[in-house]
């Protein structure tokens, strides 16, 4: 009888370990906790976020009037590896965009981008956090939140495709698409 009870206990423990520890969150490496510099573990990306990332320019152009001249005027801002905090050198570009948005009847889509390292799900989440950090900075600078939309493209729209740190650093960015009023 003891052997049967012991065997059943082992089967239950094995079943628990096999199924009880699964997670819907993606992990990139181990131990990725908030270190006060904007680095956190991957978050689950919603279906809407994935669809937005997959639709890209087609979705934007069908629903908004993109002002290409003003979009070209505002510089992308760049992020450190696995970070979404706004760097000091990005703040002047964001202040210039905030001033424009405050003074004009325009909106902006903030696109979050990543380099190719990490899973698609992780990079969509990180791109989303980068876009939202940029949005929060603009709102804190006086821009109405309803003038700012965000979208994450993750790693799907790289500026550079070489497998070097120099290239990857160009892909870790927020890009600003200025929309003219309808």
N, C-alpha and C. Protein backbone atom coordinates (compact mmCIF):
# COMPACT_ATOMS: atom_id res chain seq x y z
N UNK A 1 0.81 -1.19 0.00
CA UNK A 1 0.00 0.00 0.00
C UNK A 1 0.86 1.26 0.00
N UNK A 2 1.94 1.26 0.79
CA UNK A 2 2.83 2.44 0.85
C UNK A 2 3.44 2.73 -0.52
N UNK A 3 3.80 1.68 -1.26
CA UNK A 3 4.40 1.87 -2.59
C UNK A 3 3.41 2.53 -3.54
N UNK A 4 2.13 2.16 -3.45
CA UNK A 4 1.12 2.76 -4.33
C UNK A 4 0.92 4.23 -3.97
N UNK A 5 0.85 4.56 -2.69
CA UNK A 5 0.69 5.94 -2.24
C UNK A 5 1.90 6.77 -2.66
N UNK A 6 3.10 6.23 -2.48
CA UNK A 6 4.32 6.93 -2.88
C UNK A 6 4.35 7.15 -4.39
N UNK A 7 3.98 6.16 -5.16
CA UNK A 7 3.94 6.28 -6.61
C UNK A 7 2.93 7.34 -7.04
N UNK A 8 1.74 7.33 -6.41
CA UNK A 8 0.72 8.33 -6.74
C UNK A 8 1.21 9.73 -6.37
N UNK A 9 1.88 9.88 -5.27
CA UNK A 9 2.41 11.18 -4.86
C UNK A 9 3.44 11.67 -5.86
N UNK A 10 4.31 10.80 -6.32
CA UNK A 10 5.32 11.18 -7.32
C UNK A 10 4.66 11.60 -8.63
N UNK A 11 3.62 10.88 -9.04
CA UNK A 11 2.91 11.22 -10.28
C UNK A 11 2.25 12.59 -10.13
N UNK A 12 1.62 12.84 -8.98
CA UNK A 12 0.99 14.15 -8.75
C UNK A 12 2.00 15.29 -8.74
N UNK A 13 3.13 15.09 -8.10
CA UNK A 13 4.17 16.13 -8.07
C UNK A 13 4.69 16.38 -9.48
N UNK A 14 4.93 15.33 -10.23
CA UNK A 14 5.41 15.49 -11.61
C UNK A 14 4.39 16.23 -12.46
N UNK A 15 3.10 15.87 -12.31
CA UNK A 15 2.04 16.55 -13.06
C UNK A 15 1.96 18.02 -12.68
N UNK A 16 2.07 18.33 -11.41
CA UNK A 16 2.04 19.72 -10.96
C UNK A 16 3.20 20.51 -11.54
N UNK A 17 4.39 19.94 -11.48
CA UNK A 17 5.56 20.63 -12.01
C UNK A 17 5.45 20.84 -13.51
N UNK A 18 4.87 19.91 -14.20
CA UNK A 18 4.75 20.02 -15.66
C UNK A 18 3.71 21.05 -16.07
N UNK A 19 2.64 21.19 -15.30
CA UNK A 19 1.57 22.10 -15.71
C UNK A 19 1.41 23.31 -14.81
N UNK A 20 1.74 23.21 -13.56
CA UNK A 20 1.48 24.29 -12.60
C UNK A 20 2.43 25.45 -12.71
N UNK A 21 3.51 25.32 -13.41
CA UNK A 21 4.50 26.38 -13.47
C UNK A 21 4.51 27.10 -14.81
N UNK A 22 3.55 26.82 -15.68
CA UNK A 22 3.56 27.49 -16.98
C UNK A 22 3.18 28.95 -16.80
N UNK A 23 3.56 29.75 -17.75
CA UNK A 23 3.31 31.18 -17.67
C UNK A 23 2.97 31.71 -19.04
N UNK A 24 2.13 32.74 -19.09
CA UNK A 24 1.82 33.36 -20.37
C UNK A 24 2.79 34.47 -20.71
N UNK A 25 3.67 34.79 -19.79
CA UNK A 25 4.63 35.86 -20.05
C UNK A 25 5.87 35.30 -20.70
N UNK A 26 6.41 36.06 -21.62
CA UNK A 26 7.63 35.67 -22.30
C UNK A 26 8.81 36.17 -21.47
N UNK A 27 9.86 35.42 -21.41
CA UNK A 27 11.05 35.83 -20.67
C UNK A 27 12.22 35.95 -21.64
N UNK A 28 12.97 36.98 -21.54
CA UNK A 28 14.18 37.14 -22.33
C UNK A 28 15.33 37.03 -21.36
N UNK A 29 15.95 35.89 -21.31
CA UNK A 29 16.99 35.68 -20.33
C UNK A 29 16.36 35.45 -18.98
N UNK A 30 17.15 35.53 -17.93
CA UNK A 30 16.59 35.31 -16.60
C UNK A 30 16.86 36.52 -15.73
N UNK A 31 16.03 36.68 -14.72
CA UNK A 31 16.25 37.72 -13.73
C UNK A 31 16.03 39.12 -14.23
N UNK A 32 15.17 39.34 -15.22
CA UNK A 32 14.95 40.69 -15.72
C UNK A 32 13.91 41.38 -14.86
N UNK A 33 14.36 42.07 -13.86
CA UNK A 33 13.50 42.80 -12.95
C UNK A 33 13.71 44.28 -13.17
N UNK A 34 12.82 45.09 -12.64
CA UNK A 34 12.96 46.53 -12.74
C UNK A 34 14.20 46.95 -11.96
N UNK A 35 15.12 47.59 -12.65
CA UNK A 35 16.35 48.02 -11.99
C UNK A 35 16.38 49.53 -11.79
N UNK A 36 15.22 50.18 -11.94
CA UNK A 36 15.15 51.62 -11.77
C UNK A 36 15.57 52.39 -13.01
N UNK A 37 15.98 51.66 -14.06
CA UNK A 37 16.41 52.32 -15.29
C UNK A 37 15.50 51.96 -16.46
N UNK A 38 14.35 51.42 -16.16
CA UNK A 38 13.40 51.13 -17.22
C UNK A 38 13.47 49.73 -17.75
N UNK A 39 14.21 48.82 -17.13
CA UNK A 39 14.29 47.46 -17.63
C UNK A 39 13.35 46.58 -16.83
N UNK A 40 12.47 45.90 -17.50
CA UNK A 40 11.53 45.00 -16.85
C UNK A 40 11.44 43.75 -17.69
N UNK A 41 10.92 42.70 -17.10
CA UNK A 41 10.67 41.46 -17.84
C UNK A 41 9.62 41.70 -18.90
N UNK A 42 9.54 40.81 -19.85
CA UNK A 42 8.58 40.96 -20.95
C UNK A 42 7.16 40.87 -20.42
N UNK A 43 6.29 41.62 -21.01
CA UNK A 43 4.88 41.57 -20.65
C UNK A 43 4.12 40.94 -21.80
N UNK A 44 3.00 40.33 -21.50
CA UNK A 44 2.19 39.74 -22.54
C UNK A 44 1.61 40.85 -23.40
N UNK A 45 1.70 40.70 -24.70
CA UNK A 45 1.20 41.69 -25.64
C UNK A 45 -0.22 41.30 -26.03
N UNK A 46 -1.14 42.24 -26.02
CA UNK A 46 -2.53 41.94 -26.36
C UNK A 46 -2.66 41.66 -27.84
N UNK A 47 -3.77 41.01 -28.21
CA UNK A 47 -4.04 40.74 -29.62
C UNK A 47 -4.15 42.04 -30.41
N UNK A 48 -4.77 43.09 -29.81
CA UNK A 48 -4.88 44.37 -30.50
C UNK A 48 -3.50 44.95 -30.80
N UNK A 49 -2.58 44.87 -29.83
CA UNK A 49 -1.23 45.39 -30.06
C UNK A 49 -0.54 44.62 -31.19
N UNK A 50 -0.72 43.30 -31.22
CA UNK A 50 -0.10 42.52 -32.28
C UNK A 50 -0.68 42.88 -33.63
N UNK A 51 -2.03 43.04 -33.71
CA UNK A 51 -2.65 43.41 -34.99
C UNK A 51 -2.17 44.78 -35.44
N UNK A 52 -2.09 45.74 -34.50
CA UNK A 52 -1.62 47.08 -34.86
C UNK A 52 -0.20 46.99 -35.43
N UNK A 53 0.67 46.23 -34.78
CA UNK A 53 2.03 46.08 -35.26
C UNK A 53 2.10 45.42 -36.62
N UNK A 54 1.18 44.51 -36.89
CA UNK A 54 1.18 43.81 -38.17
C UNK A 54 0.59 44.65 -39.29
N UNK A 55 -0.36 45.55 -38.97
CA UNK A 55 -1.00 46.35 -40.00
C UNK A 55 -0.13 47.50 -40.45
N UNK A 56 0.61 48.10 -39.55
CA UNK A 56 1.58 49.12 -39.87
C UNK A 56 1.04 50.31 -40.63
N UNK A 57 1.81 50.74 -41.64
CA UNK A 57 1.49 51.93 -42.41
C UNK A 57 0.13 51.86 -43.07
N UNK A 58 -0.28 50.69 -43.51
CA UNK A 58 -1.58 50.55 -44.16
C UNK A 58 -2.70 51.02 -43.23
N UNK A 59 -2.68 50.59 -41.99
CA UNK A 59 -3.68 51.01 -41.00
C UNK A 59 -3.64 52.52 -40.80
N UNK A 60 -2.45 53.05 -40.63
CA UNK A 60 -2.31 54.48 -40.35
C UNK A 60 -2.83 55.30 -41.53
N UNK A 61 -2.42 54.95 -42.73
CA UNK A 61 -2.81 55.75 -43.90
C UNK A 61 -4.30 55.66 -44.20
N UNK A 62 -4.95 54.55 -43.84
CA UNK A 62 -6.39 54.43 -44.05
C UNK A 62 -7.18 55.29 -43.07
N UNK A 63 -6.63 55.56 -41.91
CA UNK A 63 -7.38 56.24 -40.86
C UNK A 63 -6.95 57.66 -40.57
N UNK A 64 -5.82 58.09 -41.08
CA UNK A 64 -5.30 59.42 -40.78
C UNK A 64 -4.68 60.04 -42.03
N UNK A 65 -4.54 61.36 -41.97
CA UNK A 65 -3.83 62.07 -43.02
C UNK A 65 -2.42 62.35 -42.51
N UNK A 66 -1.45 61.65 -43.04
CA UNK A 66 -0.07 61.81 -42.58
C UNK A 66 0.53 63.04 -43.23
N UNK A 67 1.13 63.89 -42.41
CA UNK A 67 1.82 65.08 -42.88
C UNK A 67 3.29 64.73 -43.02
N UNK A 68 3.69 64.29 -44.21
CA UNK A 68 5.05 63.81 -44.43
C UNK A 68 6.11 64.89 -44.19
N UNK A 69 5.80 66.13 -44.53
CA UNK A 69 6.77 67.21 -44.35
C UNK A 69 7.04 67.44 -42.86
N UNK A 70 5.99 67.44 -42.05
CA UNK A 70 6.19 67.65 -40.61
C UNK A 70 6.79 66.41 -39.96
N UNK A 71 6.43 65.24 -40.44
CA UNK A 71 7.01 64.01 -39.90
C UNK A 71 8.53 64.02 -40.10
N UNK A 72 8.96 64.45 -41.27
CA UNK A 72 10.40 64.50 -41.57
C UNK A 72 11.13 65.53 -40.70
N UNK A 73 10.40 66.54 -40.23
CA UNK A 73 11.02 67.60 -39.43
C UNK A 73 11.45 67.13 -38.05
N UNK A 74 10.73 66.17 -37.46
CA UNK A 74 11.00 65.76 -36.10
C UNK A 74 11.87 64.50 -36.06
N UNK A 75 12.93 64.57 -35.28
CA UNK A 75 13.91 63.49 -35.20
C UNK A 75 13.39 62.32 -34.38
N UNK A 76 13.84 61.13 -34.77
CA UNK A 76 13.62 59.96 -33.93
C UNK A 76 14.42 60.14 -32.65
N UNK A 77 13.97 59.48 -31.60
CA UNK A 77 14.77 59.42 -30.38
C UNK A 77 15.20 57.97 -30.20
N UNK A 78 16.32 57.75 -29.51
CA UNK A 78 16.91 56.42 -29.41
C UNK A 78 16.99 55.97 -27.95
N UNK A 79 17.00 54.66 -27.78
CA UNK A 79 16.97 54.04 -26.47
C UNK A 79 18.16 53.10 -26.29
N UNK A 80 18.53 52.89 -25.05
CA UNK A 80 19.55 51.91 -24.73
C UNK A 80 18.97 50.51 -24.84
N UNK A 81 19.84 49.52 -24.93
CA UNK A 81 19.44 48.13 -25.04
C UNK A 81 18.54 47.73 -23.87
N UNK A 82 17.38 47.13 -24.19
CA UNK A 82 16.41 46.66 -23.20
C UNK A 82 15.92 47.76 -22.26
N UNK A 83 15.90 48.98 -22.70
CA UNK A 83 15.45 50.10 -21.88
C UNK A 83 14.36 50.86 -22.63
N UNK A 84 13.56 51.56 -21.85
CA UNK A 84 12.55 52.44 -22.43
C UNK A 84 12.53 53.80 -21.77
N UNK A 85 13.52 54.09 -20.92
CA UNK A 85 13.57 55.41 -20.30
C UNK A 85 14.10 56.43 -21.31
N UNK A 86 13.62 57.65 -21.19
CA UNK A 86 14.02 58.73 -22.11
C UNK A 86 15.41 59.20 -21.74
N UNK A 87 16.31 59.16 -22.70
CA UNK A 87 17.69 59.62 -22.46
C UNK A 87 17.73 61.14 -22.54
N UNK A 88 18.70 61.74 -21.86
CA UNK A 88 18.83 63.20 -21.84
C UNK A 88 18.97 63.79 -23.24
N UNK A 89 19.70 63.13 -24.11
CA UNK A 89 19.91 63.68 -25.46
C UNK A 89 18.64 63.64 -26.31
N UNK A 90 17.61 62.90 -25.88
CA UNK A 90 16.34 62.84 -26.61
C UNK A 90 15.39 63.97 -26.20
N UNK A 91 15.61 64.56 -25.06
CA UNK A 91 14.66 65.53 -24.52
C UNK A 91 14.49 66.79 -25.38
N UNK A 92 15.53 67.35 -25.98
CA UNK A 92 15.30 68.51 -26.85
C UNK A 92 14.38 68.21 -28.04
N UNK A 93 14.53 67.04 -28.64
CA UNK A 93 13.66 66.66 -29.77
C UNK A 93 12.21 66.52 -29.30
N UNK A 94 12.02 65.94 -28.13
CA UNK A 94 10.67 65.79 -27.59
C UNK A 94 10.06 67.14 -27.22
N UNK A 95 10.87 68.04 -26.67
CA UNK A 95 10.36 69.38 -26.34
C UNK A 95 9.95 70.13 -27.61
N UNK A 96 10.72 69.99 -28.68
CA UNK A 96 10.38 70.63 -29.95
C UNK A 96 9.05 70.09 -30.48
N UNK A 97 8.87 68.78 -30.43
CA UNK A 97 7.62 68.18 -30.87
C UNK A 97 6.46 68.61 -29.97
N UNK A 98 6.68 68.65 -28.67
CA UNK A 98 5.64 69.09 -27.73
C UNK A 98 5.21 70.53 -28.03
N UNK A 99 6.16 71.38 -28.31
CA UNK A 99 5.84 72.78 -28.64
C UNK A 99 4.98 72.85 -29.90
N UNK A 100 5.36 72.09 -30.92
CA UNK A 100 4.59 72.08 -32.17
C UNK A 100 3.17 71.59 -31.93
N UNK A 101 3.03 70.47 -31.21
CA UNK A 101 1.70 69.90 -30.97
C UNK A 101 0.84 70.83 -30.13
N UNK A 102 1.43 71.55 -29.19
CA UNK A 102 0.68 72.47 -28.33
C UNK A 102 0.18 73.67 -29.11
N UNK A 103 0.93 74.09 -30.11
CA UNK A 103 0.61 75.30 -30.87
C UNK A 103 -0.21 75.04 -32.13
N UNK A 104 -0.36 73.77 -32.52
CA UNK A 104 -1.03 73.44 -33.78
C UNK A 104 -2.13 72.41 -33.56
N UNK A 105 -3.06 72.39 -34.51
CA UNK A 105 -4.14 71.41 -34.47
C UNK A 105 -3.67 70.16 -35.21
N UNK A 106 -2.73 69.48 -34.59
CA UNK A 106 -2.15 68.28 -35.19
C UNK A 106 -2.11 67.19 -34.13
N UNK A 107 -1.95 65.96 -34.60
CA UNK A 107 -1.79 64.81 -33.71
C UNK A 107 -0.51 64.10 -34.12
N UNK A 108 -0.11 63.14 -33.29
CA UNK A 108 1.09 62.37 -33.61
C UNK A 108 0.87 60.91 -33.24
N UNK A 109 1.43 60.05 -34.04
CA UNK A 109 1.52 58.63 -33.69
C UNK A 109 2.96 58.38 -33.31
N UNK A 110 3.16 57.87 -32.11
CA UNK A 110 4.50 57.53 -31.65
C UNK A 110 4.69 56.04 -31.90
N UNK A 111 5.65 55.73 -32.76
CA UNK A 111 5.95 54.34 -33.10
C UNK A 111 7.12 53.86 -32.24
N UNK A 112 6.94 52.74 -31.55
CA UNK A 112 8.02 52.15 -30.77
C UNK A 112 8.70 51.05 -31.58
N UNK A 113 10.02 51.09 -31.64
CA UNK A 113 10.80 50.12 -32.42
C UNK A 113 11.89 49.50 -31.56
N UNK A 114 12.34 48.31 -31.96
CA UNK A 114 13.37 47.57 -31.24
C UNK A 114 14.38 46.99 -32.22
N UNK A 115 15.50 46.53 -31.68
CA UNK A 115 16.41 45.77 -32.54
C UNK A 115 15.91 44.33 -32.61
N UNK A 116 16.58 43.50 -33.35
CA UNK A 116 16.10 42.15 -33.63
C UNK A 116 16.30 41.15 -32.50
N UNK A 117 17.03 41.52 -31.49
CA UNK A 117 17.29 40.57 -30.40
C UNK A 117 16.06 40.43 -29.51
N UNK A 118 15.74 39.24 -29.11
CA UNK A 118 14.55 38.97 -28.31
C UNK A 118 13.44 38.40 -29.17
N UNK A 119 12.43 37.85 -28.53
CA UNK A 119 11.30 37.28 -29.27
C UNK A 119 10.43 38.39 -29.84
N UNK A 120 9.60 38.04 -30.81
CA UNK A 120 8.66 39.02 -31.37
C UNK A 120 7.76 39.58 -30.29
N UNK A 121 7.23 38.72 -29.41
CA UNK A 121 6.34 39.17 -28.35
C UNK A 121 7.06 40.13 -27.40
N UNK A 122 8.27 39.78 -27.02
CA UNK A 122 9.04 40.64 -26.12
C UNK A 122 9.28 42.01 -26.77
N UNK A 123 9.68 42.01 -28.04
CA UNK A 123 9.99 43.26 -28.72
C UNK A 123 8.74 44.11 -28.96
N UNK A 124 7.59 43.49 -29.21
CA UNK A 124 6.36 44.27 -29.31
C UNK A 124 6.04 44.95 -27.98
N UNK A 125 6.24 44.23 -26.88
CA UNK A 125 6.02 44.83 -25.56
C UNK A 125 6.99 45.94 -25.25
N UNK A 126 8.26 45.74 -25.58
CA UNK A 126 9.27 46.76 -25.34
C UNK A 126 9.03 47.98 -26.22
N UNK A 127 8.67 47.76 -27.48
CA UNK A 127 8.34 48.88 -28.36
C UNK A 127 7.16 49.67 -27.84
N UNK A 128 6.19 48.96 -27.26
CA UNK A 128 5.03 49.62 -26.67
C UNK A 128 5.45 50.48 -25.49
N UNK A 129 6.34 49.95 -24.65
CA UNK A 129 6.81 50.73 -23.49
C UNK A 129 7.61 51.95 -23.96
N UNK A 130 8.38 51.83 -25.01
CA UNK A 130 9.13 52.98 -25.55
C UNK A 130 8.19 54.04 -26.08
N UNK A 131 7.18 53.63 -26.83
CA UNK A 131 6.21 54.59 -27.37
C UNK A 131 5.47 55.28 -26.23
N UNK A 132 5.07 54.52 -25.22
CA UNK A 132 4.34 55.11 -24.10
C UNK A 132 5.22 56.00 -23.23
N UNK A 133 6.49 55.69 -23.09
CA UNK A 133 7.40 56.58 -22.34
C UNK A 133 7.52 57.91 -23.07
N UNK A 134 7.59 57.86 -24.39
CA UNK A 134 7.64 59.09 -25.19
C UNK A 134 6.35 59.88 -25.04
N UNK A 135 5.22 59.17 -25.08
CA UNK A 135 3.93 59.83 -24.91
C UNK A 135 3.85 60.49 -23.54
N UNK A 136 4.26 59.79 -22.50
CA UNK A 136 4.21 60.35 -21.15
C UNK A 136 5.06 61.61 -21.04
N UNK A 137 6.21 61.62 -21.71
CA UNK A 137 7.07 62.80 -21.68
C UNK A 137 6.35 63.97 -22.37
N UNK A 138 5.71 63.70 -23.51
CA UNK A 138 5.00 64.76 -24.23
C UNK A 138 3.83 65.29 -23.40
N UNK A 139 3.09 64.40 -22.75
CA UNK A 139 1.97 64.82 -21.90
C UNK A 139 2.48 65.65 -20.73
N UNK A 140 3.58 65.22 -20.12
CA UNK A 140 4.18 65.98 -19.02
C UNK A 140 4.67 67.35 -19.49
N UNK A 141 4.93 67.48 -20.79
CA UNK A 141 5.36 68.76 -21.36
C UNK A 141 4.19 69.63 -21.78
N UNK A 142 2.97 69.20 -21.50
CA UNK A 142 1.81 70.03 -21.76
C UNK A 142 0.96 69.64 -22.95
N UNK A 143 1.29 68.56 -23.64
CA UNK A 143 0.50 68.13 -24.80
C UNK A 143 -0.70 67.32 -24.30
N UNK A 144 -1.86 67.58 -24.85
CA UNK A 144 -3.06 66.82 -24.49
C UNK A 144 -2.88 65.36 -24.91
N UNK A 145 -3.20 64.44 -24.01
CA UNK A 145 -3.03 63.00 -24.29
C UNK A 145 -3.85 62.55 -25.49
N UNK A 146 -4.98 63.22 -25.77
CA UNK A 146 -5.80 62.80 -26.92
C UNK A 146 -5.19 63.20 -28.26
N UNK A 147 -4.09 63.90 -28.25
CA UNK A 147 -3.38 64.24 -29.48
C UNK A 147 -2.27 63.23 -29.81
N UNK A 148 -2.13 62.20 -28.97
CA UNK A 148 -1.02 61.26 -29.11
C UNK A 148 -1.54 59.83 -29.14
N UNK A 149 -1.22 59.11 -30.19
CA UNK A 149 -1.51 57.69 -30.28
C UNK A 149 -0.17 56.95 -30.26
N UNK A 150 -0.18 55.72 -29.81
CA UNK A 150 1.05 54.93 -29.80
C UNK A 150 0.82 53.62 -30.53
N UNK A 151 1.91 53.10 -31.07
CA UNK A 151 1.89 51.80 -31.74
C UNK A 151 3.28 51.18 -31.59
N UNK A 152 3.32 49.89 -31.46
CA UNK A 152 4.60 49.19 -31.39
C UNK A 152 4.79 48.36 -32.65
N UNK A 153 5.95 48.51 -33.25
CA UNK A 153 6.32 47.65 -34.38
C UNK A 153 7.35 46.61 -33.96
N UNK A 154 7.78 46.66 -32.70
CA UNK A 154 8.79 45.70 -32.26
C UNK A 154 10.00 45.77 -33.17
N UNK A 155 10.39 44.63 -33.70
CA UNK A 155 11.57 44.55 -34.56
C UNK A 155 11.21 44.54 -36.05
N UNK A 156 9.93 44.75 -36.38
CA UNK A 156 9.44 44.54 -37.73
C UNK A 156 9.84 45.59 -38.76
N UNK A 157 10.26 46.77 -38.35
CA UNK A 157 10.60 47.84 -39.30
C UNK A 157 11.98 48.41 -38.98
N UNK A 158 13.02 47.63 -39.19
CA UNK A 158 14.36 48.13 -38.85
C UNK A 158 14.84 49.22 -39.81
N UNK A 159 15.63 50.14 -39.29
CA UNK A 159 16.28 51.14 -40.14
C UNK A 159 17.55 50.55 -40.72
N UNK A 160 18.13 49.61 -40.01
CA UNK A 160 19.41 49.02 -40.39
C UNK A 160 19.31 47.51 -40.18
N UNK A 161 19.92 46.72 -41.06
CA UNK A 161 19.77 45.27 -40.96
C UNK A 161 21.07 44.52 -40.72
N UNK A 162 22.16 45.23 -40.50
CA UNK A 162 23.42 44.56 -40.18
C UNK A 162 23.35 44.01 -38.76
N UNK A 163 24.12 43.02 -38.48
CA UNK A 163 24.12 42.41 -37.14
C UNK A 163 25.29 42.95 -36.33
N UNK A 164 25.25 44.28 -36.09
CA UNK A 164 26.28 44.95 -35.30
C UNK A 164 25.60 45.85 -34.27
N UNK A 165 26.31 46.17 -33.21
CA UNK A 165 25.76 47.05 -32.18
C UNK A 165 25.42 48.42 -32.76
N UNK A 166 26.26 48.93 -33.64
CA UNK A 166 26.01 50.22 -34.26
C UNK A 166 24.67 50.22 -35.01
N UNK A 167 24.41 49.16 -35.72
CA UNK A 167 23.16 49.04 -36.46
C UNK A 167 21.99 48.85 -35.51
N UNK A 168 22.13 47.95 -34.56
CA UNK A 168 21.04 47.70 -33.61
C UNK A 168 20.64 48.98 -32.88
N UNK A 169 21.63 49.83 -32.56
CA UNK A 169 21.31 51.06 -31.82
C UNK A 169 20.42 52.00 -32.65
N UNK A 170 20.48 51.91 -33.97
CA UNK A 170 19.63 52.73 -34.84
C UNK A 170 18.19 52.22 -34.85
N UNK A 171 18.02 50.95 -34.52
CA UNK A 171 16.68 50.35 -34.54
C UNK A 171 15.93 50.51 -33.22
N UNK A 172 16.63 50.83 -32.15
CA UNK A 172 16.00 51.02 -30.83
C UNK A 172 15.54 52.47 -30.74
N UNK A 173 14.32 52.73 -31.21
CA UNK A 173 13.92 54.13 -31.37
C UNK A 173 12.42 54.32 -31.20
N UNK A 174 12.07 55.58 -31.06
CA UNK A 174 10.67 56.03 -31.20
C UNK A 174 10.66 56.95 -32.41
N UNK A 175 9.71 56.73 -33.30
CA UNK A 175 9.55 57.53 -34.50
C UNK A 175 8.22 58.24 -34.39
N UNK A 176 8.17 59.48 -34.87
CA UNK A 176 6.99 60.32 -34.71
C UNK A 176 6.35 60.62 -36.06
N UNK A 177 5.12 60.16 -36.25
CA UNK A 177 4.35 60.40 -37.48
C UNK A 177 3.33 61.49 -37.18
N UNK A 178 3.52 62.64 -37.80
CA UNK A 178 2.63 63.77 -37.56
C UNK A 178 1.40 63.65 -38.47
N UNK A 179 0.24 63.83 -37.86
CA UNK A 179 -1.03 63.70 -38.57
C UNK A 179 -1.69 65.06 -38.68
N UNK A 180 -2.11 65.37 -39.90
CA UNK A 180 -2.82 66.64 -40.07
C UNK A 180 -4.30 66.41 -39.79
N UNK A 181 -5.00 67.46 -39.37
CA UNK A 181 -6.42 67.30 -39.05
C UNK A 181 -7.23 66.92 -40.29
N UNK A 182 -8.27 66.14 -40.04
CA UNK A 182 -9.17 65.72 -41.15
C UNK A 182 -10.09 66.83 -41.53
